[in-house]
C-alpha atoms as a PDB file:
ATOM      1  CA  MET A   1     -19.485  -3.188 -11.072  1.00  0.00           C
ATOM      2  CA  ARG A   2     -21.224  -3.957 -14.130  1.00  0.00           C
ATOM      3  CA  PHE A   3     -25.029  -4.775 -13.727  1.00  0.00           C
ATOM      4  CA  SER A   4     -25.728  -8.825 -14.838  1.00  0.00           C
ATOM      5  CA  PRO A   5     -28.812 -11.709 -14.235  1.00  0.00           C
ATOM      6  CA  TYR A   6     -26.525 -12.651 -10.981  1.00  0.00           C
ATOM      7  CA  HIS A   7     -26.622  -9.283  -9.084  1.00  0.00           C
ATOM      8  CA  LYS A   8     -29.438  -6.617  -8.361  1.00  0.00           C
ATOM      9  CA  ARG A   9     -29.432  -2.928  -8.401  1.00  0.00           C
ATOM     10  CA  LEU A  10     -29.860  -1.507  -5.047  1.00  0.00           C
ATOM     11  CA  ARG A  11     -33.067   0.428  -5.702  1.00  0.00           C
ATOM     12  CA  ASP A  12     -34.438  -3.405  -6.975  1.00  0.00           C
ATOM     13  CA  LEU A  13     -34.558  -4.771  -3.386  1.00  0.00           C
ATOM     14  CA  THR A  14     -37.663  -5.092  -1.229  1.00  0.00           C
ATOM     15  CA  GLU A  15     -37.571  -3.384   1.950  1.00  0.00           C
ATOM     16  CA  GLN A  16     -36.826  -6.812   3.226  1.00  0.00           C
ATOM     17  CA  GLU A  17     -33.871  -7.269   1.285  1.00  0.00           C
ATOM     18  CA  VAL A  18     -32.733  -3.809   2.177  1.00  0.00           C
ATOM     19  CA  LEU A  19     -32.895  -4.362   6.144  1.00  0.00           C
ATOM     20  CA  ALA A  20     -30.788  -7.811   5.697  1.00  0.00           C
ATOM     21  CA  LEU A  21     -28.077  -6.092   3.099  1.00  0.00           C
ATOM     22  CA  ALA A  22     -27.766  -3.712   5.801  1.00  0.00           C
ATOM     23  CA  ILE A  23     -27.678  -6.215   8.843  1.00  0.00           C
ATOM     24  CA  SER A  24     -24.666  -8.886   6.295  1.00  0.00           C
ATOM     25  CA  SER A  25     -22.925  -5.208   5.706  1.00  0.00           C
ATOM     26  CA  GLU A  26     -22.776  -4.163   9.470  1.00  0.00           C
ATOM     27  CA  GLU A  27     -21.852  -7.783  10.857  1.00  0.00           C
ATOM     28  CA  ASP A  28     -18.926  -7.734   7.665  1.00  0.00           C
ATOM     29  CA  ASP A  29     -17.273  -3.994   9.126  1.00  0.00           C
ATOM     30  CA  ALA A  30     -17.324  -4.877  13.086  1.00  0.00           C
ATOM     31  CA  ARG A  31     -15.657  -8.359  11.818  1.00  0.00           C
ATOM     32  CA  ILE A  32     -13.217  -5.918   9.983  1.00  0.00           C
ATOM     33  CA  TYR A  33     -11.951  -3.691  12.682  1.00  0.00           C
ATOM     34  CA  ARG A  34     -11.834  -6.145  15.039  1.00  0.00           C
ATOM     35  CA  GLY A  35      -9.403  -7.673  12.492  1.00  0.00           C
ATOM     36  CA  PHE A  36      -7.680  -4.411  11.802  1.00  0.00           C
ATOM     37  CA  ALA A  37      -7.252  -3.787  15.674  1.00  0.00           C
ATOM     38  CA  GLU A  38      -6.025  -7.882  16.543  1.00  0.00           C
ATOM     39  CA  GLN A  39      -3.474  -6.620  13.580  1.00  0.00           C
ATOM     40  CA  LEU A  40      -2.616  -3.822  15.553  1.00  0.00           C
ATOM     41  CA  ARG A  41      -2.882  -4.663  18.907  1.00  0.00           C
ATOM     42  CA  ASP A  42       0.496  -5.612  19.487  1.00  0.00           C
ATOM     43  CA  ALA A  43       2.561  -2.879  17.878  1.00  0.00           C
ATOM     44  CA  TYR A  44      -0.083   0.146  18.280  1.00  0.00           C
ATOM     45  CA  PRO A  45      -2.693  -0.646  21.181  1.00  0.00           C
ATOM     46  CA  ALA A  46      -3.957   2.400  21.537  1.00  0.00           C
ATOM     47  CA  THR A  47      -5.526   2.312  17.415  1.00  0.00           C
ATOM     48  CA  ALA A  48      -6.464  -0.629  18.084  1.00  0.00           C
ATOM     49  CA  LYS A  49      -9.343  -0.130  21.250  1.00  0.00           C
ATOM     50  CA  ILE A  50      -9.729   2.597  19.184  1.00  0.00           C
ATOM     51  CA  PHE A  51     -10.808  -0.310  16.760  1.00  0.00           C
ATOM     52  CA  ASP A  52     -12.533  -2.404  19.139  1.00  0.00           C
ATOM     53  CA  ASP A  53     -14.768   0.740  20.092  1.00  0.00           C
ATOM     54  CA  MET A  54     -16.033   1.028  16.538  1.00  0.00           C
ATOM     55  CA  ALA A  55     -16.675  -2.790  16.093  1.00  0.00           C
ATOM     56  CA  GLN A  56     -19.272  -2.353  19.213  1.00  0.00           C
ATOM     57  CA  GLU A  57     -20.614   0.505  17.391  1.00  0.00           C
ATOM     58  CA  GLU A  58     -21.139  -1.442  14.430  1.00  0.00           C
ATOM     59  CA  ASP A  59     -21.988  -4.893  16.870  1.00  0.00           C
ATOM     60  CA  GLY A  60     -25.037  -1.970  17.901  1.00  0.00           C
ATOM     61  CA  HIS A  61     -26.406  -0.957  14.779  1.00  0.00           C
ATOM     62  CA  ARG A  62     -27.042  -4.551  13.846  1.00  0.00           C
ATOM     63  CA  GLN A  63     -29.003  -4.974  16.765  1.00  0.00           C
ATOM     64  CA  ALA A  64     -30.800  -2.354  15.747  1.00  0.00           C
ATOM     65  CA  LEU A  65     -31.709  -3.672  11.837  1.00  0.00           C
ATOM     66  CA  ILE A  66     -32.008  -7.056  13.417  1.00  0.00           C
ATOM     67  CA  ALA A  67     -34.642  -6.107  16.083  1.00  0.00           C
ATOM     68  CA  ARG A  68     -36.813  -4.125  13.017  1.00  0.00           C
ATOM     69  CA  HIS A  69     -36.664  -7.103  10.853  1.00  0.00           C
ATOM     70  CA  GLN A  70     -38.207  -8.975  12.998  1.00  0.00           C
ATOM     71  CA  SER A  71     -40.968  -6.827  14.128  1.00  0.00           C
ATOM     72  CA  GLN A  72     -41.379  -6.280  10.494  1.00  0.00           C
ATOM     73  CA  PHE A  73     -40.365 -10.042   9.052  1.00  0.00           C
ATOM     74  CA  GLY A  74     -39.673 -11.889  11.206  1.00  0.00           C
ATOM     75  CA  ASN A  75     -36.950 -14.248  12.558  1.00  0.00           C
ATOM     76  CA  THR A  76     -36.058 -15.220   8.852  1.00  0.00           C
ATOM     77  CA  VAL A  77     -33.387 -12.877   7.498  1.00  0.00           C
ATOM     78  CA  PRO A  78     -33.134 -13.773   3.487  1.00  0.00           C
ATOM     79  CA  LEU A  79     -29.158 -14.759   2.466  1.00  0.00           C
ATOM     80  CA  LEU A  80     -27.772 -10.810   0.964  1.00  0.00           C
ATOM     81  CA  ARG A  81     -24.989  -9.856   0.886  1.00  0.00           C
ATOM     82  CA  ARG A  82     -22.459  -6.894  -0.469  1.00  0.00           C
ATOM     83  CA  GLU A  83     -21.674  -8.916  -3.717  1.00  0.00           C
ATOM     84  CA  HIS A  84     -25.278  -9.841  -4.806  1.00  0.00           C
ATOM     85  CA  VAL A  85     -26.017  -6.330  -5.531  1.00  0.00           C
ATOM     86  CA  ALA A  86     -24.770  -4.339  -8.398  1.00  0.00           C
ATOM     87  CA  GLY A  87     -22.413  -1.449  -7.870  1.00  0.00           C
ATOM     88  CA  PHE A  88     -22.426  -1.782  -4.032  1.00  0.00           C
ATOM     89  CA  HIS A  89     -19.508  -0.504  -2.258  1.00  0.00           C
ATOM     90  CA  SER A  90     -16.920  -3.502  -1.795  1.00  0.00           C
ATOM     91  CA  ARG A  91     -14.495  -4.697   1.180  1.00  0.00           C
ATOM     92  CA  ARG A  92     -11.223  -5.650   0.783  1.00  0.00           C
ATOM     93  CA  PRO A  93      -9.900  -9.158   1.475  1.00  0.00           C
ATOM     94  CA  ILE A  94      -8.283  -8.850   5.205  1.00  0.00           C
ATOM     95  CA  TRP A  95      -5.157 -10.237   3.518  1.00  0.00           C
ATOM     96  CA  LEU A  96      -4.525  -6.983   1.320  1.00  0.00           C
ATOM     97  CA  SER A  97      -5.538  -4.865   4.672  1.00  0.00           C
ATOM     98  CA  ALA A  98      -2.788  -6.515   6.191  1.00  0.00           C
ATOM     99  CA  ASN A  99      -0.077  -4.762   3.706  1.00  0.00           C
ATOM    100  CA  LEU A 100      -1.424  -1.665   4.896  1.00  0.00           C
ATOM    101  CA  SER A 101       0.246   0.577   6.680  1.00  0.00           C
ATOM    102  CA  LEU A 102      -1.598   2.884   9.932  1.00  0.00           C
ATOM    103  CA  GLU A 103      -2.401   5.649   8.004  1.00  0.00           C
ATOM    104  CA  ALA A 104      -3.770   3.513   5.632  1.00  0.00           C
ATOM    105  CA  ILE A 105      -5.598   1.854   7.996  1.00  0.00           C
ATOM    106  CA  ARG A 106      -7.383   4.784   9.629  1.00  0.00           C
ATOM    107  CA  ASN A 107      -8.086   5.961   6.110  1.00  0.00           C
ATOM    108  CA  LEU A 108      -9.865   3.224   4.894  1.00  0.00           C
ATOM    109  CA  ALA A 109     -11.893   2.991   8.112  1.00  0.00           C
ATOM    110  CA  SER A 110     -13.269   6.679   7.043  1.00  0.00           C
ATOM    111  CA  GLN A 111     -13.724   5.710   3.774  1.00  0.00           C
ATOM    112  CA  MET A 112     -16.349   2.864   5.339  1.00  0.00           C
ATOM    113  CA  GLU A 113     -18.009   5.139   7.073  1.00  0.00           C
ATOM    114  CA  GLN A 114     -18.597   7.502   4.083  1.00  0.00           C
ATOM    115  CA  ASP A 115     -19.827   3.935   2.041  1.00  0.00           C
ATOM    116  CA  ALA A 116     -22.111   3.009   4.763  1.00  0.00           C
ATOM    117  CA  GLU A 117     -23.617   6.991   5.531  1.00  0.00           C
ATOM    118  CA  ALA A 118     -24.208   6.735   1.194  1.00  0.00           C
ATOM    119  CA  PHE A 119     -25.815   3.442   1.623  1.00  0.00           C
ATOM    120  CA  TYR A 120     -28.168   4.443   3.955  1.00  0.00           C
ATOM    121  CA  VAL A 121     -29.032   7.691   3.020  1.00  0.00           C
ATOM    122  CA  LYS A 122     -30.390   5.897  -0.734  1.00  0.00           C
ATOM    123  CA  ALA A 123     -31.886   2.672   1.417  1.00  0.00           C
ATOM    124  CA  ALA A 124     -34.263   5.336   3.609  1.00  0.00           C
ATOM    125  CA  LYS A 125     -35.544   7.063   0.959  1.00  0.00           C
ATOM    126  CA  GLN A 126     -37.091   3.546  -1.399  1.00  0.00           C
ATOM    127  CA  VAL A 127     -38.346   2.386   1.813  1.00  0.00           C
ATOM    128  CA  THR A 128     -42.264   3.034   2.784  1.00  0.00           C
ATOM    129  CA  ASP A 129     -42.314   1.671   6.244  1.00  0.00           C
ATOM    130  CA  LEU A 130     -41.956   5.268   8.485  1.00  0.00           C
ATOM    131  CA  ASP A 131     -40.442   2.758  11.216  1.00  0.00           C
ATOM    132  CA  THR A 132     -38.084   1.730   8.963  1.00  0.00           C
ATOM    133  CA  ARG A 133     -37.585   4.845   7.020  1.00  0.00           C
ATOM    134  CA  LYS A 134     -36.301   6.633  10.371  1.00  0.00           C
ATOM    135  CA  LEU A 135     -33.942   3.927  11.464  1.00  0.00           C
ATOM    136  CA  LEU A 136     -32.263   4.057   8.333  1.00  0.00           C
ATOM    137  CA  GLY A 137     -32.029   7.537   8.223  1.00  0.00           C
ATOM    138  CA  ASP A 138     -30.755   7.285  12.001  1.00  0.00           C
ATOM    139  CA  LEU A 139     -27.965   4.844  11.199  1.00  0.00           C
ATOM    140  CA  ALA A 140     -26.931   7.098   8.293  1.00  0.00           C
ATOM    141  CA  ALA A 141     -26.542  10.110  10.594  1.00  0.00           C
ATOM    142  CA  ALA A 142     -24.648   7.733  12.978  1.00  0.00           C
ATOM    143  CA  GLU A 143     -22.093   7.102  10.231  1.00  0.00           C
ATOM    144  CA  ALA A 144     -22.350  10.991   9.346  1.00  0.00           C
ATOM    145  CA  GLY A 145     -21.386  11.403  13.077  1.00  0.00           C
ATOM    146  CA  HIS A 146     -18.858   8.560  13.196  1.00  0.00           C
ATOM    147  CA  LYS A 147     -15.839  10.704  12.511  1.00  0.00           C
ATOM    148  CA  HIS A 148     -16.730  12.547  15.599  1.00  0.00           C
ATOM    149  CA  THR A 149     -16.992   9.752  17.164  1.00  0.00           C
ATOM    150  CA  ALA A 150     -13.676   8.212  15.868  1.00  0.00           C
ATOM    151  CA  ASP A 151     -12.384  11.601  16.574  1.00  0.00           C
ATOM    152  CA  ASP A 152     -13.535  11.643  20.448  1.00  0.00           C
ATOM    153  CA  LEU A 153     -12.568   7.909  20.609  1.00  0.00           C
ATOM    154  CA  THR A 154      -8.827   9.120  19.637  1.00  0.00           C
ATOM    155  CA  GLU A 155      -8.771  11.766  22.293  1.00  0.00           C
ATOM    156  CA  THR A 156      -9.704   8.589  24.757  1.00  0.00           C
ATOM    157  CA  HIS A 157      -6.721   6.375  23.668  1.00  0.00           C
ATOM    158  CA  LEU A 158      -4.909   7.941  21.777  1.00  0.00           C
ATOM    159  CA  ASP A 159      -3.045  11.375  23.354  1.00  0.00           C
ATOM    160  CA  PRO A 160      -0.486  13.151  21.086  1.00  0.00           C
ATOM    161  CA  ASP A 161       2.369  11.357  22.588  1.00  0.00           C
ATOM    162  CA  THR A 162       0.689   8.302  21.838  1.00  0.00           C
ATOM    163  CA  ARG A 163      -0.092   9.055  18.025  1.00  0.00           C
ATOM    164  CA  ASP A 164       3.359  10.221  17.650  1.00  0.00           C
ATOM    165  CA  ASP A 165       4.840   7.458  18.870  1.00  0.00           C
ATOM    166  CA  GLU A 166       3.075   5.405  17.052  1.00  0.00           C
ATOM    167  CA  ASN A 167       3.497   6.735  13.679  1.00  0.00           C
ATOM    168  CA  ALA A 168       7.243   6.794  14.536  1.00  0.00           C
ATOM    169  CA  ARG A 169       7.010   2.911  15.049  1.00  0.00           C
ATOM    170  CA  ALA A 170       5.171   3.126  11.357  1.00  0.00           C
ATOM    171  CA  HIS A 171       7.496   5.230   9.613  1.00  0.00           C
ATOM    172  CA  ARG A 172      10.519   3.255  11.004  1.00  0.00           C
ATOM    173  CA  GLN A 173       8.931  -0.415  10.144  1.00  0.00           C
ATOM    174  CA  PHE A 174       8.450   1.410   6.424  1.00  0.00           C
ATOM    175  CA  VAL A 175      11.977   2.630   6.432  1.00  0.00           C
ATOM    176  CA  LEU A 176      12.775  -0.489   7.400  1.00  0.00           C
ATOM    177  CA  THR A 177      11.274  -3.086   5.041  1.00  0.00           C
ATOM    178  CA  TRP A 178      10.467  -1.111   2.152  1.00  0.00           C
ATOM    179  CA  VAL A 179      13.297   2.003   1.977  1.00  0.00           C
ATOM    180  CA  GLN A 180      16.685   0.432   3.334  1.00  0.00           C
ATOM    181  CA  PRO A 181      16.033  -2.783   1.163  1.00  0.00           C
ATOM    182  CA  GLY A 182      15.059  -0.593  -1.648  1.00  0.00           C
ATOM    183  CA  LEU A 183      17.722   1.727  -1.331  1.00  0.00           C
ATOM    184  CA  ALA A 184      20.243  -0.693  -1.091  1.00  0.00           C
ATOM    185  CA  GLY A 185      18.882  -2.315  -4.962  1.00  0.00           C
ATOM    186  CA  LEU A 186      19.018   1.223  -6.286  1.00  0.00           C
ATOM    187  CA  MET A 187      22.082   1.617  -5.318  1.00  0.00           C
ATOM    188  CA  ASP A 188      23.570  -2.055  -6.471  1.00  0.00           C
ATOM    189  CA  GLY A 189      21.909  -1.553  -9.599  1.00  0.00           C
ATOM    190  CA  SER A 190      23.036   1.981 -10.659  1.00  0.00           C
ATOM    191  CA  VAL A 191      26.783   1.416  -9.539  1.00  0.00           C
ATOM    192  CA  SER A 192      27.203  -2.141 -10.212  1.00  0.00           C
ATOM    193  CA  THR A 193      26.043  -2.189 -13.464  1.00  0.00           C
ATOM    194  CA  LEU A 194      28.033   0.777 -14.700  1.00  0.00           C
ATOM    195  CA  ALA A 195      31.198  -1.380 -15.295  1.00  0.00           C
ATOM    196  CA  PRO A 196      29.807  -3.516 -17.480  1.00  0.00           C
ATOM    197  CA  ILE A 197      27.463  -1.344 -19.316  1.00  0.00           C
ATOM    198  CA  PHE A 198      29.930   1.135 -19.954  1.00  0.00           C
ATOM    199  CA  ALA A 199      33.044  -1.366 -20.787  1.00  0.00           C
ATOM    200  CA  THR A 200      30.346  -2.985 -23.824  1.00  0.00           C
ATOM    201  CA  ALA A 201      29.765   0.417 -25.200  1.00  0.00           C
ATOM    202  CA  PHE A 202      33.195   1.933 -25.579  1.00  0.00           C
ATOM    203  CA  ALA A 203      34.785  -1.904 -26.056  1.00  0.00           C
ATOM    204  CA  THR A 204      32.356  -2.096 -28.792  1.00  0.00           C
ATOM    205  CA  GLN A 205      30.269   0.957 -29.899  1.00  0.00           C
ATOM    206  CA  ASP A 206      27.419  -1.456 -30.622  1.00  0.00           C
ATOM    207  CA  THR A 207      23.860   0.203 -29.114  1.00  0.00           C
ATOM    208  CA  HIS A 208      22.204  -3.137 -29.627  1.00  0.00           C
ATOM    209  CA  THR A 209      25.032  -5.539 -27.476  1.00  0.00           C
ATOM    210  CA  THR A 210      25.236  -2.956 -24.850  1.00  0.00           C
ATOM    211  CA  PHE A 211      21.872  -2.867 -24.389  1.00  0.00           C
ATOM    212  CA  LEU A 212      21.491  -6.663 -24.652  1.00  0.00           C
ATOM    213  CA  VAL A 213      24.576  -6.823 -21.302  1.00  0.00           C
ATOM    214  CA  GLY A 214      22.777  -4.302 -19.539  1.00  0.00           C
ATOM    215  CA  LEU A 215      19.434  -5.932 -19.510  1.00  0.00           C
ATOM    216  CA  ALA A 216      21.386  -9.490 -18.612  1.00  0.00           C
ATOM    217  CA  ALA A 217      23.362  -7.470 -15.959  1.00  0.00           C
ATOM    218  CA  SER A 218      20.010  -5.497 -14.809  1.00  0.00           C
ATOM    219  CA  VAL A 219      17.548  -8.710 -14.766  1.00  0.00           C
ATOM    220  CA  GLY A 220      20.763 -11.617 -12.735  1.00  0.00           C
ATOM    221  CA  ALA A 221      21.656  -8.215 -10.289  1.00  0.00           C
ATOM    222  CA  GLY A 222      18.347  -8.295  -9.475  1.00  0.00           C
ATOM    223  CA  ILE A 223      17.310 -11.511  -9.471  1.00  0.00           C
ATOM    224  CA  SER A 224      20.361 -12.091  -6.973  1.00  0.00           C
ATOM    225  CA  MET A 225      19.940  -9.059  -4.803  1.00  0.00           C
ATOM    226  CA  GLY A 226      16.453  -9.791  -4.120  1.00  0.00           C
ATOM    227  CA  PHE A 227      16.385 -13.513  -3.071  1.00  0.00           C
ATOM    228  CA  THR A 228      19.956 -12.379  -0.767  1.00  0.00           C
ATOM    229  CA  GLU A 229      17.538 -10.155   0.900  1.00  0.00           C
ATOM    230  CA  ALA A 230      14.350 -12.770   1.476  1.00  0.00           C
ATOM    231  CA  ALA A 231      16.590 -14.898   2.561  1.00  0.00           C
ATOM    232  CA  SER A 232      19.163 -13.848   4.628  1.00  0.00           C
ATOM    233  CA  ASP A 233      16.939 -12.569   7.042  1.00  0.00           C
ATOM    234  CA  ASP A 234      13.137 -13.687   8.108  1.00  0.00           C
ATOM    235  CA  GLY A 235      12.698 -10.357  10.070  1.00  0.00           C
ATOM    236  CA  GLU A 236      11.629 -12.463  13.108  1.00  0.00           C
ATOM    237  CA  LEU A 237      14.222 -11.133  15.394  1.00  0.00           C
ATOM    238  CA  SER A 238      15.638  -8.058  13.110  1.00  0.00           C
ATOM    239  CA  GLY A 239      12.117  -6.645  13.598  1.00  0.00           C
ATOM    240  CA  ARG A 240      12.863  -5.617   9.705  1.00  0.00           C
ATOM    241  CA  GLY A 241       9.096  -7.254   8.547  1.00  0.00           C
ATOM    242  CA  SER A 242       8.611 -10.022   5.717  1.00  0.00           C
ATOM    243  CA  PRO A 243      11.563 -11.009   4.002  1.00  0.00           C
ATOM    244  CA  ILE A 244       8.757 -11.394   0.774  1.00  0.00           C
ATOM    245  CA  LYS A 245       8.526  -7.748   0.675  1.00  0.00           C
ATOM    246  CA  ARG A 246      12.245  -6.639   1.669  1.00  0.00           C
ATOM    247  CA  GLY A 247      13.241  -9.117  -1.323  1.00  0.00           C
ATOM    248  CA  LEU A 248      10.702  -7.504  -3.580  1.00  0.00           C
ATOM    249  CA  ALA A 249      11.939  -4.253  -2.509  1.00  0.00           C
ATOM    250  CA  SER A 250      15.810  -4.887  -2.836  1.00  0.00           C
ATOM    251  CA  GLY A 251      15.245  -7.188  -6.332  1.00  0.00           C
ATOM    252  CA  ILE A 252      12.559  -4.537  -8.421  1.00  0.00           C
ATOM    253  CA  MET A 253      15.025  -1.434  -7.424  1.00  0.00           C
ATOM    254  CA  THR A 254      18.238  -3.698  -8.465  1.00  0.00           C
ATOM    255  CA  THR A 255      16.700  -4.162 -12.026  1.00  0.00           C
ATOM    256  CA  LEU A 256      15.589  -0.806 -12.526  1.00  0.00           C
ATOM    257  CA  GLY A 257      18.936   0.886 -11.413  1.00  0.00           C
ATOM    258  CA  GLY A 258      20.335  -0.774 -13.882  1.00  0.00           C
ATOM    259  CA  LEU A 259      18.051  -0.328 -16.745  1.00  0.00           C
ATOM    260  CA  GLY A 260      18.218   3.275 -16.305  1.00  0.00           C
ATOM    261  CA  HIS A 261      21.178   3.803 -17.978  1.00  0.00           C
ATOM    262  CA  ALA A 262      20.537   0.558 -20.025  1.00  0.00           C
ATOM    263  CA  LEU A 263      17.165   1.633 -21.955  1.00  0.00           C
ATOM    264  CA  PRO A 264      18.821   4.335 -23.859  1.00  0.00           C
ATOM    265  CA  TYR A 265      20.681   2.133 -25.626  1.00  0.00           C
ATOM    266  CA  LEU A 266      17.990   1.079 -27.617  1.00  0.00           C
ATOM    267  CA  ILE A 267      18.363   4.428 -29.610  1.00  0.00           C
ATOM    268  CA  PRO A 268      20.766   3.232 -32.818  1.00  0.00           C
ATOM    269  CA  ASP A 269      23.018   6.156 -32.376  1.00  0.00           C
ATOM    270  CA  PHE A 270      26.134   5.063 -30.154  1.00  0.00           C
ATOM    271  CA  TRP A 271      27.317   8.670 -28.542  1.00  0.00           C
ATOM    272  CA  THR A 272      23.242  10.234 -28.590  1.00  0.00           C
ATOM    273  CA  ALA A 273      22.899   6.555 -26.495  1.00  0.00           C
ATOM    274  CA  THR A 274      25.731   6.947 -24.683  1.00  0.00           C
ATOM    275  CA  ILE A 275      25.608  10.909 -23.614  1.00  0.00           C
ATOM    276  CA  LEU A 276      22.115  10.432 -22.801  1.00  0.00           C
ATOM    277  CA  ALA A 277      22.855   7.480 -20.525  1.00  0.00           C
ATOM    278  CA  ILE A 278      25.425   9.399 -18.576  1.00  0.00           C
ATOM    279  CA  LEU A 279      22.511  12.027 -18.173  1.00  0.00           C
ATOM    280  CA  VAL A 280      20.314   8.781 -16.323  1.00  0.00           C
ATOM    281  CA  VAL A 281      23.225   8.064 -14.338  1.00  0.00           C
ATOM    282  CA  PHE A 282      23.643  10.707 -13.188  1.00  0.00           C
ATOM    283  CA  VAL A 283      19.840  11.697 -12.366  1.00  0.00           C
ATOM    284  CA  GLU A 284      19.829   7.658 -10.431  1.00  0.00           C
ATOM    285  CA  LEU A 285      23.152   9.165  -7.976  1.00  0.00           C
ATOM    286  CA  TRP A 286      20.891  12.170  -7.006  1.00  0.00           C
ATOM    287  CA  ALA A 287      18.085  10.256  -6.717  1.00  0.00           C
ATOM    288  CA  ILE A 288      20.287   8.218  -3.888  1.00  0.00           C
ATOM    289  CA  VAL A 289      21.273  10.994  -2.421  1.00  0.00           C
ATOM    290  CA  TRP A 290      18.205  12.482  -1.545  1.00  0.00           C
ATOM    291  CA  ILE A 291      16.403   9.076  -0.854  1.00  0.00           C
ATOM    292  CA  GLN A 292      19.405   8.707   1.685  1.00  0.00           C
ATOM    293  CA  ASN A 293      18.814  12.208   3.104  1.00  0.00           C
ATOM    294  CA  ARG A 294      14.884  11.872   3.716  1.00  0.00           C
ATOM    295  CA  PHE A 295      14.566   8.627   4.783  1.00  0.00           C
ATOM    296  CA  MET A 296      17.580   7.370   6.584  1.00  0.00           C
ATOM    297  CA  LYS A 297      18.863  10.997   7.495  1.00  0.00           C
ATOM    298  CA  THR A 298      22.355  11.123   6.020  1.00  0.00           C
ATOM    299  CA  PRO A 299      23.449  14.302   5.755  1.00  0.00           C
ATOM    300  CA  PHE A 300      23.503  15.655   2.243  1.00  0.00           C
ATOM    301  CA  GLY A 301      26.864  16.811   1.795  1.00  0.00           C
ATOM    302  CA  ARG A 302      28.232  13.040   3.305  1.00  0.00           C
ATOM    303  CA  ALA A 303      25.528  11.002   0.822  1.00  0.00           C
ATOM    304  CA  THR A 304      26.725  13.621  -2.149  1.00  0.00           C
ATOM    305  CA  PHE A 305      30.042  12.554  -1.653  1.00  0.00           C
ATOM    306  CA  GLN A 306      29.258   8.855  -0.991  1.00  0.00           C
ATOM    307  CA  VAL A 307      27.456   7.692  -4.272  1.00  0.00           C
ATOM    308  CA  VAL A 308      28.660  10.394  -6.549  1.00  0.00           C
ATOM    309  CA  LEU A 309      32.630   9.679  -5.657  1.00  0.00           C
ATOM    310  CA  GLY A 310      31.787   5.785  -5.774  1.00  0.00           C
ATOM    311  CA  GLY A 311      30.166   6.327  -8.894  1.00  0.00           C
ATOM    312  CA  ALA A 312      32.740   8.192 -10.782  1.00  0.00           C
ATOM    313  CA  LEU A 313      35.233   5.439 -10.280  1.00  0.00           C
ATOM    314  CA  VAL A 314      33.009   2.262 -10.991  1.00  0.00           C
ATOM    315  CA  PHE A 315      32.017   4.878 -14.473  1.00  0.00           C
ATOM    316  CA  ALA A 316      35.491   5.486 -15.089  1.00  0.00           C
ATOM    317  CA  ALA A 317      36.653   1.824 -14.481  1.00  0.00           C
ATOM    318  CA  GLY A 318      34.122   0.627 -16.679  1.00  0.00           C
ATOM    319  CA  ALA A 319      35.123   3.474 -19.620  1.00  0.00           C
ATOM    320  CA  LEU A 320      38.971   2.412 -19.115  1.00  0.00           C
ATOM    321  CA  ILE A 321      38.432  -1.196 -19.398  1.00  0.00           C
ATOM    322  CA  GLY A 322      36.028  -0.391 -22.556  1.00  0.00           C
ATOM    323  CA  GLY A 323      38.545   1.875 -23.627  1.00  0.00           C
ATOM    324  CA  GLY A 324      41.829  -0.085 -23.956  1.00  0.00           C
END
């Protein structure tokens, strides 16, 4: 964060302000962990229990800081939050965290502990009161040890079978929400736009006209697929997740699938553009095969046969119609 008159640097804070900042930060982190716990409780109860326990750890830190502030400065704690301090680590809004995967939430929690440790190490160096310095140093050590604490809590609440089960459910949710609609969009955009693009190309041999047709077909198909995916299922009964996420995945991938072999027609030379577009189609089809095999567990041979045969038939139809 760039320094401004509205922010103080950490090194410019008084000892009381350092304690006030630490108190508010511990309170925020505890609330974030409890938010993670509530977010994960239904689908991943074992991981939710870990975050419940981590929130209690943060509560203990906050109480120790408040007791130190009362002893040194009295009961009134100044209002000082992390956004008031230039360069201080920030926390993402809860509505952004709601879209994170299970593993991303675990990684974010680990990063939060590292940020807190770094703050306490720096803060301990600039305070002069010995008791306050000792407390901040102890909290730095505690935050550094939280990785081991988290590991201990994981062993308590998350045995290998439970962790594997939660990871499998998270992967399945990722596939249903993002991969499946995205793959359907990529297949539709890559295959269905072959006929109009190559029919226009061979009929006119005009690269600019071909590009405009390809652009219109890709964008139109993307909008159509996106709205269709979002409107067809609200995800409540099927468990496929947010219709907005699925609609975005389907619409964007449909558009990209069509644009891939439309963009070469920005090249003025017809045959250069056409050969490049055919090569792009080849890459797109093999990307579809790889995604089907990697995420949908479709046998490689069957996926290759289905995608390549379908793409070849649509391409041939477009070339024949355009050539005729």
